mmCIF file of all heavy atoms, coordinates in Angstrom:
data_MODEL
# 
_entry.id   MODEL 
# 
loop_
_atom_site.group_PDB 
_atom_site.id 
_atom_site.type_symbol 
_atom_site.label_atom_id 
_atom_site.label_alt_id 
_atom_site.label_comp_id 
_atom_site.label_asym_id 
_atom_site.label_entity_id 
_atom_site.label_seq_id 
_atom_site.pdbx_PDB_ins_code 
_atom_site.Cartn_x 
_atom_site.Cartn_y 
_atom_site.Cartn_z 
_atom_site.occupancy 
_atom_site.B_iso_or_equiv 
_atom_site.pdbx_formal_charge 
_atom_site.auth_seq_id 
_atom_site.auth_comp_id 
_atom_site.auth_asym_id 
_atom_site.auth_atom_id 
_atom_site.pdbx_PDB_model_num 
ATOM 1   N N   . PRO A 1 1  ? 40.119 -7.337 -7.358  1.00 0.00 ? 1  PRO A N   1 
ATOM 2   C CA  . PRO A 1 1  ? 41.451 -7.623 -6.805  1.00 0.00 ? 1  PRO A CA  1 
ATOM 3   C C   . PRO A 1 1  ? 41.851 -6.565 -5.777  1.00 0.00 ? 1  PRO A C   1 
ATOM 4   O O   . PRO A 1 1  ? 41.344 -5.442 -5.805  1.00 0.00 ? 1  PRO A O   1 
ATOM 5   C CB  . PRO A 1 1  ? 42.353 -7.535 -8.046  1.00 0.00 ? 1  PRO A CB  1 
ATOM 6   C CG  . PRO A 1 1  ? 41.657 -6.543 -8.925  1.00 0.00 ? 1  PRO A CG  1 
ATOM 7   C CD  . PRO A 1 1  ? 40.196 -6.786 -8.727  1.00 0.00 ? 1  PRO A CD  1 
ATOM 8   N N   . ASN A 1 2  ? 42.746 -6.918 -4.895  1.00 0.00 ? 2  ASN A N   1 
ATOM 9   C CA  . ASN A 1 2  ? 43.212 -6.004 -3.856  1.00 0.00 ? 2  ASN A CA  1 
ATOM 10  C C   . ASN A 1 2  ? 44.596 -5.482 -4.255  1.00 0.00 ? 2  ASN A C   1 
ATOM 11  O O   . ASN A 1 2  ? 45.569 -6.232 -4.272  1.00 0.00 ? 2  ASN A O   1 
ATOM 12  C CB  . ASN A 1 2  ? 43.273 -6.720 -2.502  1.00 0.00 ? 2  ASN A CB  1 
ATOM 13  C CG  . ASN A 1 2  ? 43.541 -5.755 -1.361  1.00 0.00 ? 2  ASN A CG  1 
ATOM 14  O OD1 . ASN A 1 2  ? 44.050 -4.653 -1.547  1.00 0.00 ? 2  ASN A OD1 1 
ATOM 15  N ND2 . ASN A 1 2  ? 43.184 -6.171 -0.153  1.00 0.00 ? 2  ASN A ND2 1 
ATOM 16  N N   . LEU A 1 3  ? 44.675 -4.206 -4.585  1.00 0.00 ? 3  LEU A N   1 
ATOM 17  C CA  . LEU A 1 3  ? 45.928 -3.598 -5.050  1.00 0.00 ? 3  LEU A CA  1 
ATOM 18  C C   . LEU A 1 3  ? 46.692 -2.878 -3.948  1.00 0.00 ? 3  LEU A C   1 
ATOM 19  O O   . LEU A 1 3  ? 47.732 -2.271 -4.207  1.00 0.00 ? 3  LEU A O   1 
ATOM 20  C CB  . LEU A 1 3  ? 45.644 -2.588 -6.170  1.00 0.00 ? 3  LEU A CB  1 
ATOM 21  C CG  . LEU A 1 3  ? 44.923 -3.074 -7.416  1.00 0.00 ? 3  LEU A CG  1 
ATOM 22  C CD1 . LEU A 1 3  ? 44.831 -1.938 -8.426  1.00 0.00 ? 3  LEU A CD1 1 
ATOM 23  C CD2 . LEU A 1 3  ? 45.609 -4.280 -8.021  1.00 0.00 ? 3  LEU A CD2 1 
ATOM 24  N N   . MET A 1 4  ? 46.192 -2.944 -2.716  1.00 0.00 ? 4  MET A N   1 
ATOM 25  C CA  . MET A 1 4  ? 46.722 -2.067 -1.684  1.00 0.00 ? 4  MET A CA  1 
ATOM 26  C C   . MET A 1 4  ? 48.207 -2.268 -1.407  1.00 0.00 ? 4  MET A C   1 
ATOM 27  O O   . MET A 1 4  ? 48.900 -1.342 -1.002  1.00 0.00 ? 4  MET A O   1 
ATOM 28  C CB  . MET A 1 4  ? 45.916 -2.222 -0.395  1.00 0.00 ? 4  MET A CB  1 
ATOM 29  C CG  . MET A 1 4  ? 46.124 -1.084 0.586   1.00 0.00 ? 4  MET A CG  1 
ATOM 30  S SD  . MET A 1 4  ? 44.936 -1.105 1.926   1.00 0.00 ? 4  MET A SD  1 
ATOM 31  C CE  . MET A 1 4  ? 43.413 -0.772 1.050   1.00 0.00 ? 4  MET A CE  1 
ATOM 32  N N   . LYS A 1 5  ? 48.720 -3.438 -1.622  1.00 0.00 ? 5  LYS A N   1 
ATOM 33  C CA  . LYS A 1 5  ? 50.152 -3.678 -1.416  1.00 0.00 ? 5  LYS A CA  1 
ATOM 34  C C   . LYS A 1 5  ? 50.985 -2.809 -2.342  1.00 0.00 ? 5  LYS A C   1 
ATOM 35  O O   . LYS A 1 5  ? 52.102 -2.398 -1.983  1.00 0.00 ? 5  LYS A O   1 
ATOM 36  C CB  . LYS A 1 5  ? 50.476 -5.163 -1.662  1.00 0.00 ? 5  LYS A CB  1 
ATOM 37  C CG  . LYS A 1 5  ? 51.963 -5.504 -1.591  1.00 0.00 ? 5  LYS A CG  1 
ATOM 38  C CD  . LYS A 1 5  ? 52.214 -6.975 -1.847  1.00 0.00 ? 5  LYS A CD  1 
ATOM 39  C CE  . LYS A 1 5  ? 52.021 -7.351 -3.309  1.00 0.00 ? 5  LYS A CE  1 
ATOM 40  N NZ  . LYS A 1 5  ? 53.105 -6.802 -4.192  1.00 0.00 ? 5  LYS A NZ  1 
ATOM 41  N N   . ASP A 1 6  ? 50.437 -2.510 -3.517  1.00 0.00 ? 6  ASP A N   1 
ATOM 42  C CA  . ASP A 1 6  ? 51.191 -1.811 -4.549  1.00 0.00 ? 6  ASP A CA  1 
ATOM 43  C C   . ASP A 1 6  ? 50.683 -0.415 -4.873  1.00 0.00 ? 6  ASP A C   1 
ATOM 44  O O   . ASP A 1 6  ? 51.389 0.361  -5.521  1.00 0.00 ? 6  ASP A O   1 
ATOM 45  C CB  . ASP A 1 6  ? 51.178 -2.625 -5.848  1.00 0.00 ? 6  ASP A CB  1 
ATOM 46  C CG  . ASP A 1 6  ? 51.782 -4.002 -5.674  1.00 0.00 ? 6  ASP A CG  1 
ATOM 47  O OD1 . ASP A 1 6  ? 52.878 -4.087 -5.104  1.00 0.00 ? 6  ASP A OD1 1 
ATOM 48  O OD2 . ASP A 1 6  ? 51.147 -4.985 -6.107  1.00 0.00 ? 6  ASP A OD2 1 
ATOM 49  N N   . ALA A 1 7  ? 49.460 -0.077 -4.446  1.00 0.00 ? 7  ALA A N   1 
ATOM 50  C CA  . ALA A 1 7  ? 48.866 1.168  -4.930  1.00 0.00 ? 7  ALA A CA  1 
ATOM 51  C C   . ALA A 1 7  ? 47.841 1.714  -3.951  1.00 0.00 ? 7  ALA A C   1 
ATOM 52  O O   . ALA A 1 7  ? 47.331 0.995  -3.084  1.00 0.00 ? 7  ALA A O   1 
ATOM 53  C CB  . ALA A 1 7  ? 48.207 0.939  -6.291  1.00 0.00 ? 7  ALA A CB  1 
ATOM 54  N N   . VAL A 1 8  ? 47.546 3.006  -4.102  1.00 0.00 ? 8  VAL A N   1 
ATOM 55  C CA  . VAL A 1 8  ? 46.432 3.636  -3.394  1.00 0.00 ? 8  VAL A CA  1 
ATOM 56  C C   . VAL A 1 8  ? 45.359 3.977  -4.432  1.00 0.00 ? 8  VAL A C   1 
ATOM 57  O O   . VAL A 1 8  ? 45.679 4.347  -5.563  1.00 0.00 ? 8  VAL A O   1 
ATOM 58  C CB  . VAL A 1 8  ? 46.871 4.910  -2.640  1.00 0.00 ? 8  VAL A CB  1 
ATOM 59  C CG1 . VAL A 1 8  ? 47.752 4.552  -1.461  1.00 0.00 ? 8  VAL A CG1 1 
ATOM 60  C CG2 . VAL A 1 8  ? 47.585 5.895  -3.554  1.00 0.00 ? 8  VAL A CG2 1 
ATOM 61  N N   . THR A 1 9  ? 44.120 3.832  -4.038  1.00 0.00 ? 9  THR A N   1 
ATOM 62  C CA  . THR A 1 9  ? 42.997 4.159  -4.914  1.00 0.00 ? 9  THR A CA  1 
ATOM 63  C C   . THR A 1 9  ? 42.437 5.499  -4.466  1.00 0.00 ? 9  THR A C   1 
ATOM 64  O O   . THR A 1 9  ? 42.268 5.737  -3.270  1.00 0.00 ? 9  THR A O   1 
ATOM 65  C CB  . THR A 1 9  ? 41.921 3.074  -4.856  1.00 0.00 ? 9  THR A CB  1 
ATOM 66  O OG1 . THR A 1 9  ? 42.524 1.802  -5.104  1.00 0.00 ? 9  THR A OG1 1 
ATOM 67  C CG2 . THR A 1 9  ? 40.839 3.317  -5.882  1.00 0.00 ? 9  THR A CG2 1 
ATOM 68  N N   . VAL A 1 10 ? 42.153 6.393  -5.423  1.00 0.00 ? 10 VAL A N   1 
ATOM 69  C CA  . VAL A 1 10 ? 41.802 7.763  -5.065  1.00 0.00 ? 10 VAL A CA  1 
ATOM 70  C C   . VAL A 1 10 ? 40.401 8.124  -5.533  1.00 0.00 ? 10 VAL A C   1 
ATOM 71  O O   . VAL A 1 10 ? 39.899 7.606  -6.529  1.00 0.00 ? 10 VAL A O   1 
ATOM 72  C CB  . VAL A 1 10 ? 42.817 8.769  -5.650  1.00 0.00 ? 10 VAL A CB  1 
ATOM 73  C CG1 . VAL A 1 10 ? 44.210 8.487  -5.083  1.00 0.00 ? 10 VAL A CG1 1 
ATOM 74  C CG2 . VAL A 1 10 ? 42.857 8.734  -7.178  1.00 0.00 ? 10 VAL A CG2 1 
ATOM 75  N N   . SER A 1 11 ? 39.776 9.025  -4.774  1.00 0.00 ? 11 SER A N   1 
ATOM 76  C CA  . SER A 1 11 ? 38.465 9.534  -5.171  1.00 0.00 ? 11 SER A CA  1 
ATOM 77  C C   . SER A 1 11 ? 38.590 10.837 -5.952  1.00 0.00 ? 11 SER A C   1 
ATOM 78  O O   . SER A 1 11 ? 37.699 11.205 -6.705  1.00 0.00 ? 11 SER A O   1 
ATOM 79  C CB  . SER A 1 11 ? 37.573 9.743  -3.949  1.00 0.00 ? 11 SER A CB  1 
ATOM 80  O OG  . SER A 1 11 ? 38.149 10.681 -3.061  1.00 0.00 ? 11 SER A OG  1 
ATOM 81  N N   . TRP A 1 12 ? 39.684 11.561 -5.738  1.00 0.00 ? 12 TRP A N   1 
ATOM 82  C CA  . TRP A 1 12 ? 39.979 12.713 -6.585  1.00 0.00 ? 12 TRP A CA  1 
ATOM 83  C C   . TRP A 1 12 ? 41.469 12.976 -6.637  1.00 0.00 ? 12 TRP A C   1 
ATOM 84  O O   . TRP A 1 12 ? 42.226 12.543 -5.772  1.00 0.00 ? 12 TRP A O   1 
ATOM 85  C CB  . TRP A 1 12 ? 39.196 13.957 -6.204  1.00 0.00 ? 12 TRP A CB  1 
ATOM 86  C CG  . TRP A 1 12 ? 39.185 14.413 -4.769  1.00 0.00 ? 12 TRP A CG  1 
ATOM 87  C CD1 . TRP A 1 12 ? 38.140 14.335 -3.913  1.00 0.00 ? 12 TRP A CD1 1 
ATOM 88  C CD2 . TRP A 1 12 ? 40.251 15.062 -4.039  1.00 0.00 ? 12 TRP A CD2 1 
ATOM 89  N NE1 . TRP A 1 12 ? 38.462 14.889 -2.689  1.00 0.00 ? 12 TRP A NE1 1 
ATOM 90  C CE2 . TRP A 1 12 ? 39.757 15.342 -2.740  1.00 0.00 ? 12 TRP A CE2 1 
ATOM 91  C CE3 . TRP A 1 12 ? 41.546 15.437 -4.339  1.00 0.00 ? 12 TRP A CE3 1 
ATOM 92  C CZ2 . TRP A 1 12 ? 40.529 15.970 -1.768  1.00 0.00 ? 12 TRP A CZ2 1 
ATOM 93  C CZ3 . TRP A 1 12 ? 42.334 16.061 -3.360  1.00 0.00 ? 12 TRP A CZ3 1 
ATOM 94  C CH2 . TRP A 1 12 ? 41.811 16.320 -2.099  1.00 0.00 ? 12 TRP A CH2 1 
ATOM 95  N N   . LEU A 1 13 ? 41.879 13.718 -7.697  1.00 0.00 ? 13 LEU A N   1 
ATOM 96  C CA  . LEU A 1 13 ? 43.291 14.005 -7.947  1.00 0.00 ? 13 LEU A CA  1 
ATOM 97  C C   . LEU A 1 13 ? 43.398 15.377 -8.617  1.00 0.00 ? 13 LEU A C   1 
ATOM 98  O O   . LEU A 1 13 ? 42.810 15.614 -9.663  1.00 0.00 ? 13 LEU A O   1 
ATOM 99  C CB  . LEU A 1 13 ? 43.898 12.929 -8.844  1.00 0.00 ? 13 LEU A CB  1 
ATOM 100 C CG  . LEU A 1 13 ? 45.394 12.942 -9.159  1.00 0.00 ? 13 LEU A CG  1 
ATOM 101 C CD1 . LEU A 1 13 ? 45.855 11.553 -9.589  1.00 0.00 ? 13 LEU A CD1 1 
ATOM 102 C CD2 . LEU A 1 13 ? 45.746 13.940 -10.269 1.00 0.00 ? 13 LEU A CD2 1 
ATOM 103 N N   . TYR A 1 14 ? 44.147 16.280 -7.993  1.00 0.00 ? 14 TYR A N   1 
ATOM 104 C CA  . TYR A 1 14 ? 44.374 17.629 -8.518  1.00 0.00 ? 14 TYR A CA  1 
ATOM 105 C C   . TYR A 1 14 ? 45.873 17.913 -8.540  1.00 0.00 ? 14 TYR A C   1 
ATOM 106 O O   . TYR A 1 14 ? 46.593 17.581 -7.589  1.00 0.00 ? 14 TYR A O   1 
ATOM 107 C CB  . TYR A 1 14 ? 43.687 18.678 -7.639  1.00 0.00 ? 14 TYR A CB  1 
ATOM 108 C CG  . TYR A 1 14 ? 42.181 18.660 -7.708  1.00 0.00 ? 14 TYR A CG  1 
ATOM 109 C CD1 . TYR A 1 14 ? 41.441 17.702 -7.039  1.00 0.00 ? 14 TYR A CD1 1 
ATOM 110 C CD2 . TYR A 1 14 ? 41.492 19.622 -8.442  1.00 0.00 ? 14 TYR A CD2 1 
ATOM 111 C CE1 . TYR A 1 14 ? 40.062 17.687 -7.079  1.00 0.00 ? 14 TYR A CE1 1 
ATOM 112 C CE2 . TYR A 1 14 ? 40.102 19.624 -8.500  1.00 0.00 ? 14 TYR A CE2 1 
ATOM 113 C CZ  . TYR A 1 14 ? 39.398 18.647 -7.819  1.00 0.00 ? 14 TYR A CZ  1 
ATOM 114 O OH  . TYR A 1 14 ? 38.023 18.644 -7.876  1.00 0.00 ? 14 TYR A OH  1 
ATOM 115 N N   . LEU A 1 15 ? 46.337 18.570 -9.615  1.00 0.00 ? 15 LEU A N   1 
ATOM 116 C CA  . LEU A 1 15 ? 47.750 18.906 -9.764  1.00 0.00 ? 15 LEU A CA  1 
ATOM 117 C C   . LEU A 1 15 ? 48.019 20.380 -9.492  1.00 0.00 ? 15 LEU A C   1 
ATOM 118 O O   . LEU A 1 15 ? 47.192 21.236 -9.819  1.00 0.00 ? 15 LEU A O   1 
ATOM 119 C CB  . LEU A 1 15 ? 48.235 18.595 -11.186 1.00 0.00 ? 15 LEU A CB  1 
ATOM 120 C CG  . LEU A 1 15 ? 48.952 17.270 -11.419 1.00 0.00 ? 15 LEU A CG  1 
ATOM 121 C CD1 . LEU A 1 15 ? 47.965 16.126 -11.277 1.00 0.00 ? 15 LEU A CD1 1 
ATOM 122 C CD2 . LEU A 1 15 ? 49.591 17.256 -12.793 1.00 0.00 ? 15 LEU A CD2 1 
ATOM 123 N N   . ILE A 1 16 ? 49.197 20.656 -8.913  1.00 0.00 ? 16 ILE A N   1 
ATOM 124 C CA  . ILE A 1 16 ? 49.696 22.021 -8.852  1.00 0.00 ? 16 ILE A CA  1 
ATOM 125 C C   . ILE A 1 16 ? 50.238 22.349 -10.238 1.00 0.00 ? 16 ILE A C   1 
ATOM 126 O O   . ILE A 1 16 ? 51.156 21.691 -10.722 1.00 0.00 ? 16 ILE A O   1 
ATOM 127 C CB  . ILE A 1 16 ? 50.799 22.159 -7.794  1.00 0.00 ? 16 ILE A CB  1 
ATOM 128 C CG1 . ILE A 1 16 ? 50.233 21.856 -6.402  1.00 0.00 ? 16 ILE A CG1 1 
ATOM 129 C CG2 . ILE A 1 16 ? 51.417 23.557 -7.828  1.00 0.00 ? 16 ILE A CG2 1 
ATOM 130 C CD1 . ILE A 1 16 ? 51.276 21.844 -5.299  1.00 0.00 ? 16 ILE A CD1 1 
ATOM 131 N N   . PRO A 1 17 ? 49.672 23.342 -10.927 1.00 0.00 ? 17 PRO A N   1 
ATOM 132 C CA  . PRO A 1 17 ? 50.062 23.595 -12.322 1.00 0.00 ? 17 PRO A CA  1 
ATOM 133 C C   . PRO A 1 17 ? 51.427 24.283 -12.419 1.00 0.00 ? 17 PRO A C   1 
ATOM 134 O O   . PRO A 1 17 ? 51.893 24.930 -11.472 1.00 0.00 ? 17 PRO A O   1 
ATOM 135 C CB  . PRO A 1 17 ? 48.950 24.509 -12.834 1.00 0.00 ? 17 PRO A CB  1 
ATOM 136 C CG  . PRO A 1 17 ? 48.473 25.222 -11.608 1.00 0.00 ? 17 PRO A CG  1 
ATOM 137 C CD  . PRO A 1 17 ? 48.599 24.245 -10.470 1.00 0.00 ? 17 PRO A CD  1 
ATOM 138 N N   . GLY A 1 18 ? 52.058 24.140 -13.587 1.00 0.00 ? 18 GLY A N   1 
ATOM 139 C CA  . GLY A 1 18 ? 53.328 24.804 -13.837 1.00 0.00 ? 18 GLY A CA  1 
ATOM 140 C C   . GLY A 1 18 ? 54.132 24.091 -14.894 1.00 0.00 ? 18 GLY A C   1 
ATOM 141 O O   . GLY A 1 18 ? 53.737 23.025 -15.394 1.00 0.00 ? 18 GLY A O   1 
ATOM 142 N N   . ASN A 1 19 ? 55.285 24.657 -15.229 1.00 0.00 ? 19 ASN A N   1 
ATOM 143 C CA  . ASN A 1 19 ? 56.126 24.089 -16.277 1.00 0.00 ? 19 ASN A CA  1 
ATOM 144 C C   . ASN A 1 19 ? 57.311 23.307 -15.727 1.00 0.00 ? 19 ASN A C   1 
ATOM 145 O O   . ASN A 1 19 ? 58.198 22.920 -16.482 1.00 0.00 ? 19 ASN A O   1 
ATOM 146 C CB  . ASN A 1 19 ? 56.622 25.192 -17.220 1.00 0.00 ? 19 ASN A CB  1 
ATOM 147 C CG  . ASN A 1 19 ? 57.483 26.227 -16.498 1.00 0.00 ? 19 ASN A CG  1 
ATOM 148 O OD1 . ASN A 1 19 ? 57.911 26.009 -15.371 1.00 0.00 ? 19 ASN A OD1 1 
ATOM 149 N ND2 . ASN A 1 19 ? 57.732 27.352 -17.148 1.00 0.00 ? 19 ASN A ND2 1 
ATOM 150 N N   . GLY A 1 20 ? 57.345 23.093 -14.436 1.00 0.00 ? 20 GLY A N   1 
ATOM 151 C CA  . GLY A 1 20 ? 58.446 22.376 -13.807 1.00 0.00 ? 20 GLY A CA  1 
ATOM 152 C C   . GLY A 1 20 ? 59.296 23.237 -12.910 1.00 0.00 ? 20 GLY A C   1 
ATOM 153 O O   . GLY A 1 20 ? 59.921 22.748 -11.966 1.00 0.00 ? 20 GLY A O   1 
ATOM 154 N N   . THR A 1 21 ? 59.316 24.541 -13.179 1.00 0.00 ? 21 THR A N   1 
ATOM 155 C CA  . THR A 1 21 ? 60.057 25.477 -12.334 1.00 0.00 ? 21 THR A CA  1 
ATOM 156 C C   . THR A 1 21 ? 59.203 26.698 -11.999 1.00 0.00 ? 21 THR A C   1 
ATOM 157 O O   . THR A 1 21 ? 59.723 27.769 -11.698 1.00 0.00 ? 21 THR A O   1 
ATOM 158 C CB  . THR A 1 21 ? 61.358 25.931 -13.030 1.00 0.00 ? 21 THR A CB  1 
ATOM 159 O OG1 . THR A 1 21 ? 61.028 26.520 -14.297 1.00 0.00 ? 21 THR A OG1 1 
ATOM 160 C CG2 . THR A 1 21 ? 62.308 24.767 -13.230 1.00 0.00 ? 21 THR A CG2 1 
ATOM 161 N N   . SER A 1 22 ? 57.880 26.534 -12.059 1.00 0.00 ? 22 SER A N   1 
ATOM 162 C CA  . SER A 1 22 ? 56.965 27.657 -11.842 1.00 0.00 ? 22 SER A CA  1 
ATOM 163 C C   . SER A 1 22 ? 56.673 27.908 -10.362 1.00 0.00 ? 22 SER A C   1 
ATOM 164 O O   . SER A 1 22 ? 56.305 29.031 -9.998  1.00 0.00 ? 22 SER A O   1 
ATOM 165 C CB  . SER A 1 22 ? 55.637 27.407 -12.564 1.00 0.00 ? 22 SER A CB  1 
ATOM 166 O OG  . SER A 1 22 ? 55.823 27.202 -13.933 1.00 0.00 ? 22 SER A OG  1 
ATOM 167 N N   . VAL A 1 23 ? 56.825 26.878 -9.531  1.00 0.00 ? 23 VAL A N   1 
ATOM 168 C CA  . VAL A 1 23 ? 56.450 27.009 -8.124  1.00 0.00 ? 23 VAL A CA  1 
ATOM 169 C C   . VAL A 1 23 ? 57.634 26.623 -7.236  1.00 0.00 ? 23 VAL A C   1 
ATOM 170 O O   . VAL A 1 23 ? 57.682 25.526 -6.673  1.00 0.00 ? 23 VAL A O   1 
ATOM 171 C CB  . VAL A 1 23 ? 55.216 26.138 -7.786  1.00 0.00 ? 23 VAL A CB  1 
ATOM 172 C CG1 . VAL A 1 23 ? 54.707 26.452 -6.379  1.00 0.00 ? 23 VAL A CG1 1 
ATOM 173 C CG2 . VAL A 1 23 ? 54.097 26.366 -8.801  1.00 0.00 ? 23 VAL A CG2 1 
ATOM 174 N N   . PRO A 1 24 ? 58.622 27.510 -7.111  1.00 0.00 ? 24 PRO A N   1 
ATOM 175 C CA  . PRO A 1 24 ? 59.758 27.203 -6.236  1.00 0.00 ? 24 PRO A CA  1 
ATOM 176 C C   . PRO A 1 24 ? 59.360 27.325 -4.765  1.00 0.00 ? 24 PRO A C   1 
ATOM 177 O O   . PRO A 1 24 ? 58.685 28.277 -4.374  1.00 0.00 ? 24 PRO A O   1 
ATOM 178 C CB  . PRO A 1 24 ? 60.789 28.267 -6.626  1.00 0.00 ? 24 PRO A CB  1 
ATOM 179 C CG  . PRO A 1 24 ? 59.974 29.420 -7.114  1.00 0.00 ? 24 PRO A CG  1 
ATOM 180 C CD  . PRO A 1 24 ? 58.760 28.818 -7.773  1.00 0.00 ? 24 PRO A CD  1 
# 
């Protein structure tokens, strides 16, 4: 199925770590 109207498909995903207020 083609999801492009609703979503992007990714080859990788990395998060900036923290507790919500760690990186102002």
